[in-house]
Amino acid sequence: MRVPVWIKPMVWGAVLGAIGSMVVGFGWMGWTLDHTAQRLVAEGREAAVIATLTPFCVSNYLKQPDADKKLAVLRADSSSYAQRDIIEKSGFATMAGSTEPSSGLAAACATALQTASLAGPGTAAPATK
């Protein structure tokens, strides 16, 4: 059986066209595989939970006895790992129904506590001029 001469260039064109379409689709058009989309959804869900629970973590941390001393200790330590560890050990980063603390929540809580004040919400700050 004889294969026509035009078959070989047509096959190579189809192969290169498919590869080109995949490069353009995944690289520039935003195509994703199923596992990538599921990972992105899970990361977004976790970020939303952390953003929602961070104010509660800060509030509870500031309500504990000797909060001013504990906040000073937290702020004195410059290592973000050590700050996160302090929050995790205090128990404020453990979500309901979980036995392990959330490191993401602890990190967000430690970051928020760097600028938190002990005055609490609804307390007016002194006016400055």
N, C-alpha and C. Protein backbone atom coordinates (compact mmCIF):
# COMPACT_ATOMS: atom_id res chain seq x y z
N MET A 1 0.83 -1.17 0.00
CA MET A 1 0.00 0.00 0.00
C MET A 1 0.88 1.24 0.00
N ARG A 2 0.53 2.15 -0.83
CA ARG A 2 1.29 3.38 -0.96
C ARG A 2 0.58 4.49 -0.20
N VAL A 3 1.36 5.22 0.61
CA VAL A 3 0.83 6.36 1.37
C VAL A 3 1.09 7.61 0.55
N PRO A 4 0.05 8.41 0.36
CA PRO A 4 0.24 9.66 -0.39
C PRO A 4 1.30 10.55 0.27
N VAL A 5 1.96 11.35 -0.52
CA VAL A 5 3.05 12.21 -0.07
C VAL A 5 2.56 13.27 0.91
N TRP A 6 1.34 13.72 0.78
CA TRP A 6 0.83 14.82 1.59
C TRP A 6 0.43 14.37 3.01
N ILE A 7 0.43 13.08 3.33
CA ILE A 7 0.02 12.57 4.65
C ILE A 7 1.03 12.97 5.73
N LYS A 8 2.33 12.82 5.43
CA LYS A 8 3.35 13.11 6.44
C LYS A 8 3.30 14.58 6.89
N PRO A 9 3.27 15.57 6.01
CA PRO A 9 3.17 16.96 6.47
C PRO A 9 1.86 17.24 7.21
N MET A 10 0.77 16.58 6.81
CA MET A 10 -0.51 16.79 7.49
C MET A 10 -0.45 16.27 8.92
N VAL A 11 0.14 15.10 9.16
CA VAL A 11 0.25 14.53 10.50
C VAL A 11 1.13 15.42 11.37
N TRP A 12 2.28 15.86 10.83
CA TRP A 12 3.15 16.74 11.60
C TRP A 12 2.45 18.07 11.90
N GLY A 13 1.69 18.58 11.00
CA GLY A 13 0.94 19.81 11.25
C GLY A 13 -0.09 19.64 12.35
N ALA A 14 -0.77 18.49 12.35
CA ALA A 14 -1.75 18.23 13.41
C ALA A 14 -1.08 18.09 14.78
N VAL A 15 0.06 17.40 14.82
CA VAL A 15 0.79 17.22 16.08
C VAL A 15 1.28 18.57 16.60
N LEU A 16 1.92 19.36 15.74
CA LEU A 16 2.42 20.66 16.16
C LEU A 16 1.28 21.62 16.51
N GLY A 17 0.18 21.53 15.80
CA GLY A 17 -1.00 22.36 16.11
C GLY A 17 -1.58 22.01 17.48
N ALA A 18 -1.63 20.72 17.81
CA ALA A 18 -2.14 20.30 19.12
C ALA A 18 -1.23 20.79 20.24
N ILE A 19 0.07 20.64 20.02
CA ILE A 19 1.03 21.10 21.04
C ILE A 19 0.94 22.62 21.20
N GLY A 20 0.85 23.33 20.10
CA GLY A 20 0.72 24.79 20.16
C GLY A 20 -0.55 25.23 20.85
N SER A 21 -1.65 24.53 20.58
CA SER A 21 -2.92 24.85 21.24
C SER A 21 -2.83 24.64 22.75
N MET A 22 -2.15 23.57 23.17
CA MET A 22 -2.00 23.32 24.60
C MET A 22 -1.13 24.38 25.26
N VAL A 23 -0.04 24.78 24.60
CA VAL A 23 0.84 25.80 25.16
C VAL A 23 0.08 27.11 25.32
N VAL A 24 -0.62 27.52 24.30
CA VAL A 24 -1.38 28.76 24.36
C VAL A 24 -2.52 28.65 25.38
N GLY A 25 -3.24 27.55 25.39
CA GLY A 25 -4.37 27.40 26.30
C GLY A 25 -3.97 27.38 27.76
N PHE A 26 -2.97 26.56 28.12
CA PHE A 26 -2.56 26.47 29.52
C PHE A 26 -1.71 27.67 29.95
N GLY A 27 -0.93 28.20 29.02
CA GLY A 27 -0.04 29.30 29.38
C GLY A 27 -0.72 30.65 29.42
N TRP A 28 -1.57 30.96 28.46
CA TRP A 28 -2.11 32.30 28.36
C TRP A 28 -3.62 32.39 28.51
N MET A 29 -4.34 31.31 28.28
CA MET A 29 -5.80 31.40 28.32
C MET A 29 -6.39 30.92 29.64
N GLY A 30 -5.55 30.47 30.56
CA GLY A 30 -6.04 30.13 31.89
C GLY A 30 -6.63 28.75 32.04
N TRP A 31 -6.38 27.86 31.12
CA TRP A 31 -6.88 26.50 31.29
C TRP A 31 -6.21 25.87 32.51
N THR A 32 -6.93 25.04 33.24
CA THR A 32 -6.35 24.31 34.37
C THR A 32 -6.84 22.88 34.35
N LEU A 33 -6.08 22.04 35.00
CA LEU A 33 -6.50 20.65 35.17
C LEU A 33 -7.39 20.56 36.39
N ASP A 34 -8.11 19.47 36.53
CA ASP A 34 -9.06 19.31 37.63
C ASP A 34 -8.38 19.39 38.98
N HIS A 35 -7.24 18.73 39.15
CA HIS A 35 -6.59 18.76 40.47
C HIS A 35 -6.06 20.14 40.81
N THR A 36 -5.67 20.92 39.80
CA THR A 36 -5.22 22.29 40.05
C THR A 36 -6.39 23.16 40.49
N ALA A 37 -7.52 23.00 39.84
CA ALA A 37 -8.70 23.77 40.22
C ALA A 37 -9.16 23.42 41.62
N GLN A 38 -9.13 22.14 41.97
CA GLN A 38 -9.52 21.73 43.33
C GLN A 38 -8.55 22.29 44.37
N ARG A 39 -7.27 22.31 44.07
CA ARG A 39 -6.28 22.87 45.00
C ARG A 39 -6.52 24.36 45.21
N LEU A 40 -6.81 25.08 44.12
CA LEU A 40 -7.05 26.52 44.22
C LEU A 40 -8.31 26.81 45.04
N VAL A 41 -9.34 26.00 44.87
CA VAL A 41 -10.56 26.17 45.65
C VAL A 41 -10.30 25.92 47.13
N ALA A 42 -9.54 24.88 47.44
CA ALA A 42 -9.22 24.56 48.83
C ALA A 42 -8.40 25.67 49.47
N GLU A 43 -7.43 26.22 48.73
CA GLU A 43 -6.62 27.32 49.25
C GLU A 43 -7.49 28.55 49.49
N GLY A 44 -8.40 28.84 48.59
CA GLY A 44 -9.30 29.99 48.77
C GLY A 44 -10.23 29.81 49.94
N ARG A 45 -10.71 28.59 50.12
CA ARG A 45 -11.60 28.30 51.24
C ARG A 45 -10.85 28.48 52.56
N GLU A 46 -9.61 27.98 52.63
CA GLU A 46 -8.81 28.12 53.85
C GLU A 46 -8.50 29.58 54.13
N ALA A 47 -8.19 30.36 53.10
CA ALA A 47 -7.90 31.78 53.28
C ALA A 47 -9.13 32.52 53.80
N ALA A 48 -10.32 32.15 53.31
CA ALA A 48 -11.54 32.79 53.78
C ALA A 48 -11.81 32.46 55.24
N VAL A 49 -11.58 31.23 55.64
CA VAL A 49 -11.78 30.83 57.04
C VAL A 49 -10.79 31.57 57.93
N ILE A 50 -9.54 31.67 57.50
CA ILE A 50 -8.54 32.38 58.29
C ILE A 50 -8.90 33.85 58.42
N ALA A 51 -9.33 34.47 57.33
CA ALA A 51 -9.72 35.88 57.38
C ALA A 51 -10.91 36.10 58.29
N THR A 52 -11.81 35.14 58.35
CA THR A 52 -12.99 35.26 59.20
C THR A 52 -12.66 35.05 60.67
N LEU A 53 -11.77 34.12 60.98
CA LEU A 53 -11.48 33.79 62.36
C LEU A 53 -10.38 34.63 63.00
N THR A 54 -9.62 35.37 62.22
CA THR A 54 -8.53 36.18 62.78
C THR A 54 -9.03 37.21 63.79
N PRO A 55 -10.11 37.96 63.54
CA PRO A 55 -10.57 38.92 64.56
C PRO A 55 -10.97 38.24 65.87
N PHE A 56 -11.54 37.04 65.79
CA PHE A 56 -11.91 36.32 67.01
C PHE A 56 -10.67 35.88 67.78
N CYS A 57 -9.65 35.47 67.07
CA CYS A 57 -8.39 35.08 67.70
C CYS A 57 -7.77 36.28 68.42
N VAL A 58 -7.74 37.42 67.76
CA VAL A 58 -7.17 38.63 68.35
C VAL A 58 -7.97 39.04 69.57
N SER A 59 -9.29 39.04 69.44
CA SER A 59 -10.15 39.43 70.55
C SER A 59 -9.97 38.53 71.75
N ASN A 60 -9.93 37.23 71.52
CA ASN A 60 -9.76 36.29 72.63
C ASN A 60 -8.37 36.42 73.26
N TYR A 61 -7.36 36.67 72.45
CA TYR A 61 -6.01 36.84 72.98
C TYR A 61 -5.95 38.06 73.88
N LEU A 62 -6.63 39.13 73.49
CA LEU A 62 -6.59 40.37 74.27
C LEU A 62 -7.48 40.30 75.51
N LYS A 63 -8.38 39.34 75.60
CA LYS A 63 -9.27 39.19 76.76
C LYS A 63 -8.66 38.34 77.86
N GLN A 64 -7.57 37.68 77.62
CA GLN A 64 -7.00 36.78 78.62
C GLN A 64 -6.34 37.59 79.75
N PRO A 65 -6.18 36.98 80.90
CA PRO A 65 -5.53 37.67 82.02
C PRO A 65 -4.09 38.04 81.65
N ASP A 66 -3.64 39.18 82.12
CA ASP A 66 -2.29 39.69 81.84
C ASP A 66 -2.05 39.82 80.34
N ALA A 67 -3.06 40.27 79.62
CA ALA A 67 -2.94 40.38 78.17
C ALA A 67 -1.85 41.37 77.77
N ASP A 68 -1.68 42.43 78.54
CA ASP A 68 -0.67 43.43 78.18
C ASP A 68 0.74 42.85 78.26
N LYS A 69 1.01 42.03 79.27
CA LYS A 69 2.33 41.40 79.39
C LYS A 69 2.54 40.36 78.28
N LYS A 70 1.51 39.58 78.01
CA LYS A 70 1.63 38.55 76.99
C LYS A 70 1.78 39.16 75.60
N LEU A 71 1.09 40.28 75.38
CA LEU A 71 1.21 40.98 74.10
C LEU A 71 2.61 41.58 73.95
N ALA A 72 3.17 42.09 75.05
CA ALA A 72 4.54 42.63 75.00
C ALA A 72 5.55 41.53 74.68
N VAL A 73 5.35 40.34 75.25
CA VAL A 73 6.24 39.21 74.96
C VAL A 73 6.12 38.81 73.49
N LEU A 74 4.89 38.79 73.00
CA LEU A 74 4.67 38.43 71.60
C LEU A 74 5.33 39.44 70.67
N ARG A 75 5.17 40.72 70.98
CA ARG A 75 5.75 41.76 70.13
C ARG A 75 7.27 41.82 70.24
N ALA A 76 7.81 41.44 71.38
CA ALA A 76 9.27 41.50 71.58
C ALA A 76 9.99 40.46 70.73
N ASP A 77 9.34 39.35 70.46
CA ASP A 77 9.97 38.30 69.66
C ASP A 77 9.82 38.65 68.19
N SER A 78 10.95 38.80 67.50
CA SER A 78 10.90 39.24 66.11
C SER A 78 10.69 38.10 65.12
N SER A 79 10.82 36.87 65.57
CA SER A 79 10.67 35.73 64.67
C SER A 79 9.19 35.41 64.46
N SER A 80 8.76 35.38 63.22
CA SER A 80 7.36 35.07 62.94
C SER A 80 7.03 33.63 63.34
N TYR A 81 8.02 32.75 63.24
CA TYR A 81 7.80 31.36 63.66
C TYR A 81 7.54 31.30 65.16
N ALA A 82 8.32 32.04 65.95
CA ALA A 82 8.13 32.02 67.41
C ALA A 82 6.81 32.66 67.79
N GLN A 83 6.42 33.74 67.09
CA GLN A 83 5.13 34.38 67.36
C GLN A 83 3.99 33.43 67.06
N ARG A 84 4.08 32.73 65.94
CA ARG A 84 3.05 31.76 65.57
C ARG A 84 3.00 30.64 66.60
N ASP A 85 4.15 30.22 67.09
CA ASP A 85 4.21 29.16 68.09
C ASP A 85 3.55 29.60 69.40
N ILE A 86 3.73 30.86 69.78
CA ILE A 86 3.09 31.38 71.00
C ILE A 86 1.57 31.33 70.86
N ILE A 87 1.07 31.75 69.71
CA ILE A 87 -0.38 31.74 69.47
C ILE A 87 -0.90 30.31 69.45
N GLU A 88 -0.19 29.40 68.81
CA GLU A 88 -0.62 28.00 68.75
C GLU A 88 -0.66 27.38 70.14
N LYS A 89 0.36 27.65 70.96
CA LYS A 89 0.40 27.08 72.30
C LYS A 89 -0.68 27.66 73.22
N SER A 90 -1.09 28.90 72.93
CA SER A 90 -2.14 29.51 73.76
C SER A 90 -3.51 28.90 73.48
N GLY A 91 -3.65 28.23 72.34
CA GLY A 91 -4.91 27.55 72.02
C GLY A 91 -5.89 28.39 71.22
N PHE A 92 -5.53 29.62 70.90
CA PHE A 92 -6.45 30.49 70.17
C PHE A 92 -6.48 30.21 68.67
N ALA A 93 -5.58 29.39 68.17
CA ALA A 93 -5.54 29.07 66.74
C ALA A 93 -6.11 27.69 66.45
N THR A 94 -6.69 27.05 67.46
CA THR A 94 -7.30 25.74 67.25
C THR A 94 -8.78 25.95 66.93
N MET A 95 -9.17 25.53 65.76
CA MET A 95 -10.56 25.71 65.32
C MET A 95 -11.46 24.67 65.98
N ALA A 96 -12.72 25.01 66.09
CA ALA A 96 -13.69 24.09 66.70
C ALA A 96 -13.73 22.79 65.91
N GLY A 97 -13.72 21.68 66.62
CA GLY A 97 -13.76 20.37 65.98
C GLY A 97 -12.40 19.85 65.55
N SER A 98 -11.35 20.61 65.81
CA SER A 98 -10.00 20.21 65.42
C SER A 98 -9.15 20.02 66.66
N THR A 99 -8.21 19.10 66.58
CA THR A 99 -7.31 18.88 67.70
C THR A 99 -5.98 19.59 67.51
N GLU A 100 -5.66 19.95 66.28
CA GLU A 100 -4.40 20.61 65.96
C GLU A 100 -4.66 22.09 65.65
N PRO A 101 -3.76 22.98 66.08
CA PRO A 101 -3.92 24.39 65.73
C PRO A 101 -3.64 24.64 64.26
N SER A 102 -4.27 25.65 63.72
CA SER A 102 -4.05 26.04 62.33
C SER A 102 -2.87 27.01 62.27
N SER A 103 -1.82 26.62 61.58
CA SER A 103 -0.64 27.49 61.50
C SER A 103 -0.96 28.76 60.71
N GLY A 104 -1.84 28.66 59.73
CA GLY A 104 -2.23 29.85 58.96
C GLY A 104 -2.98 30.85 59.82
N LEU A 105 -3.89 30.35 60.65
CA LEU A 105 -4.64 31.22 61.56
C LEU A 105 -3.71 31.82 62.60
N ALA A 106 -2.78 31.04 63.12
CA ALA A 106 -1.84 31.54 64.12
C ALA A 106 -0.96 32.64 63.53
N ALA A 107 -0.51 32.46 62.29
CA ALA A 107 0.32 33.48 61.65
C ALA A 107 -0.47 34.76 61.40
N ALA A 108 -1.71 34.62 60.95
CA ALA A 108 -2.55 35.80 60.71
C ALA A 108 -2.88 36.51 62.02
N CYS A 109 -3.12 35.74 63.07
CA CYS A 109 -3.43 36.32 64.38
C CYS A 109 -2.20 37.05 64.93
N ALA A 110 -1.02 36.45 64.80
CA ALA A 110 0.20 37.10 65.28
C ALA A 110 0.46 38.40 64.52
N THR A 111 0.21 38.39 63.23
CA THR A 111 0.40 39.60 62.43
C THR A 111 -0.59 40.68 62.86
N ALA A 112 -1.84 40.30 63.09
CA ALA A 112 -2.85 41.27 63.51
C ALA A 112 -2.57 41.79 64.91
N LEU A 113 -2.01 40.97 65.78
CA LEU A 113 -1.70 41.41 67.14
C LEU A 113 -0.56 42.41 67.19
N GLN A 114 0.25 42.50 66.14
CA GLN A 114 1.33 43.46 66.12
C GLN A 114 0.81 44.89 66.14
N THR A 115 -0.38 45.10 65.59
CA THR A 115 -0.95 46.45 65.54
C THR A 115 -2.17 46.61 66.45
N ALA A 116 -2.55 45.56 67.15
CA ALA A 116 -3.74 45.63 68.01
C ALA A 116 -3.45 46.45 69.25
N SER A 117 -4.51 47.08 69.75
CA SER A 117 -4.37 47.84 70.99
C SER A 117 -5.23 47.19 72.06
N LEU A 118 -4.85 47.38 73.31
CA LEU A 118 -5.59 46.79 74.43
C LEU A 118 -6.83 47.59 74.76
N ALA A 119 -7.00 48.78 74.13
CA ALA A 119 -8.15 49.63 74.44
C ALA A 119 -9.44 48.95 74.05
N GLY A 120 -9.42 48.16 72.98
CA GLY A 120 -10.61 47.45 72.56
C GLY A 120 -11.48 48.27 71.65
N PRO A 121 -12.45 47.64 71.00
CA PRO A 121 -13.32 48.36 70.08
C PRO A 121 -14.27 49.26 70.84
N GLY A 122 -14.62 50.37 70.23
CA GLY A 122 -15.59 51.28 70.83
C GLY A 122 -14.93 52.29 71.76
N THR A 123 -13.64 52.13 72.02
CA THR A 123 -12.92 53.07 72.86
C THR A 123 -12.26 54.09 71.97
N ALA A 124 -12.54 55.34 72.23
CA ALA A 124 -11.99 56.40 71.39
C ALA A 124 -10.53 56.62 71.72
N ALA A 125 -9.73 56.78 70.72
CA ALA A 125 -8.32 57.07 70.90
C ALA A 125 -8.17 58.56 71.22
N PRO A 126 -7.17 58.93 71.97
CA PRO A 126 -6.98 60.33 72.28
C PRO A 126 -6.69 61.13 71.01
N ALA A 127 -7.25 62.32 70.95
CA ALA A 127 -7.05 63.17 69.78
C ALA A 127 -5.65 63.74 69.80
N THR A 128 -5.03 63.79 68.65
CA THR A 128 -3.68 64.35 68.54
C THR A 128 -3.70 65.50 67.56
N LYS A 129 -2.90 66.51 67.86
CA LYS A 129 -2.78 67.66 66.95
C LYS A 129 -1.36 67.97 66.69
